[in-house]
Protein backbone atom coordinates (compact mmCIF):
# COMPACT_ATOMS: atom_id res chain seq x y z
CA MET A 1 59.42 253.24 -111.36
CA GLU A 2 57.81 256.14 -114.00
CA SER A 3 55.50 259.21 -113.62
CA ILE A 4 53.18 261.17 -114.91
CA LYS A 5 51.61 264.29 -113.68
CA ILE A 6 48.01 264.63 -114.50
CA GLU A 7 46.04 268.16 -114.36
CA ASN A 8 42.96 269.42 -113.90
CA ILE A 9 40.49 266.96 -112.91
CA THR A 10 39.06 265.07 -109.27
CA TYR A 11 40.87 262.30 -107.93
CA GLU A 12 37.43 259.85 -108.81
CA GLU A 13 38.67 260.22 -112.36
CA VAL A 14 42.25 259.72 -111.88
CA VAL A 15 41.91 255.78 -110.49
CA SER A 16 38.75 255.76 -113.04
CA ILE A 17 41.70 256.26 -115.43
CA CYS A 18 43.99 254.72 -113.53
CA GLN A 19 41.34 251.41 -113.62
CA LYS A 20 40.79 251.35 -117.06
CA ALA A 21 44.41 251.73 -118.18
CA MET A 22 45.05 248.23 -116.00
CA ASP A 23 42.11 246.74 -117.56
CA ASN A 24 43.22 247.78 -120.78
CA ASN A 25 46.31 246.13 -120.44
CA ASN A 26 44.64 242.50 -119.21
CA ILE A 27 46.20 243.54 -115.96
CA ILE A 28 43.78 240.87 -113.29
CA ASN A 29 42.71 241.44 -109.83
CA ILE A 30 42.81 244.36 -109.42
CA ARG A 31 42.06 246.03 -105.89
CA ILE A 32 41.62 249.84 -105.12
CA ASN A 33 43.00 250.69 -101.67
CA ASP A 34 41.73 255.06 -101.27
CA GLU A 35 43.22 254.76 -98.39
CA GLU A 36 46.48 254.40 -99.34
CA LYS A 37 46.15 256.01 -102.89
CA VAL A 38 47.15 252.57 -104.82
CA LEU A 39 45.76 250.43 -107.19
CA SER A 40 47.00 246.97 -107.70
CA GLY A 41 47.02 244.36 -109.69
CA GLU A 42 48.31 241.60 -111.64
CA LYS A 43 50.02 240.66 -114.56
CA GLU A 44 49.30 236.27 -115.72
CA GLY A 45 52.71 235.39 -116.28
CA SER A 46 54.59 234.39 -120.80
CA MET A 47 56.70 232.59 -122.26
CA PHE A 48 59.63 236.24 -120.90
CA SER A 49 58.51 235.49 -117.07
CA PHE A 50 56.38 234.19 -114.77
CA GLY A 51 53.74 237.13 -113.72
CA GLU A 52 53.91 240.50 -112.78
CA ARG A 53 52.83 243.31 -110.07
CA ILE A 54 51.99 246.56 -111.27
CA GLN A 55 51.20 248.46 -108.44
CA ILE A 56 50.34 252.68 -108.68
CA LYS A 57 50.67 254.84 -106.63
CA ILE A 58 48.23 258.43 -106.86
CA SER A 59 49.78 261.34 -105.28
CA SER A 60 47.96 264.38 -104.42
CA ILE A 61 49.83 267.97 -106.23
CA THR A 62 46.54 270.43 -105.16
CA LYS A 63 42.41 269.48 -105.42
CA LYS A 64 42.72 269.19 -108.96
CA ASP A 65 46.47 268.36 -109.59
CA PHE A 66 48.30 264.88 -109.43
CA GLU A 67 51.27 262.76 -110.09
CA VAL A 68 50.64 259.06 -110.50
CA GLU A 69 53.45 256.94 -110.32
CA ILE A 70 54.44 253.75 -111.88
CA LYS A 71 56.29 249.98 -110.75
CA SER A 72 55.91 246.68 -112.41
CA GLU A 73 58.25 244.20 -110.70
CA SER A 74 58.55 240.23 -111.26
CA SER A 75 55.78 238.74 -109.06
CA PHE A 76 57.96 235.47 -108.53
CA PRO A 77 61.17 236.79 -106.43
CA LEU A 78 63.91 234.58 -107.46
CA GLN A 79 63.79 235.71 -111.21
CA ILE A 80 66.74 237.74 -112.48
CA VAL A 81 65.78 238.66 -116.26
CA ASP A 82 62.62 240.70 -117.03
CA TRP A 83 63.54 240.47 -121.28
CA GLY A 84 62.22 243.67 -120.70
CA THR A 85 58.79 242.71 -119.97
CA ASN A 86 58.29 245.65 -116.84
CA LYS A 87 59.63 248.06 -118.63
CA GLN A 88 57.20 247.69 -121.53
CA ASN A 89 54.36 247.17 -119.03
CA VAL A 90 54.85 251.19 -117.49
CA ASP A 91 55.27 251.63 -120.54
CA LEU A 92 51.91 250.81 -121.86
CA LEU A 93 49.75 251.99 -118.64
CA LEU A 94 51.59 255.87 -119.34
CA ILE A 95 50.54 255.29 -122.89
CA GLU A 96 47.48 254.12 -122.56
CA ILE A 97 47.21 256.69 -119.38
CA ASN A 98 48.09 260.24 -121.74
CA LYS A 99 44.93 258.48 -124.57
CA MET A 100 42.76 258.71 -121.82
CA THR A 101 43.66 262.02 -120.17
CA ASN A 102 44.79 263.77 -124.26
CA LYS A 103 48.26 264.26 -123.52
């Protein structure tokens, strides 16, 4: 799990940015739980994995400052090696969010 701090932005804007980043990284079945401040979705399998579950948790620091935590894990619990797929998913989402927040 990795995180990024996003400043001077509304919660709705953070959710929109995170959702666009997920869309741009081919994450499907995106669900938004505003009560828990979590976005979740799945990435389809490839020759390296059975697929991954992606979760983005948004935490308020102040009314306009947020911490975004990104986690990726195998959707198949018995998969032992992920071949770097989960780290790559997190890194690509961080890059996309950074681009959209001009960091």
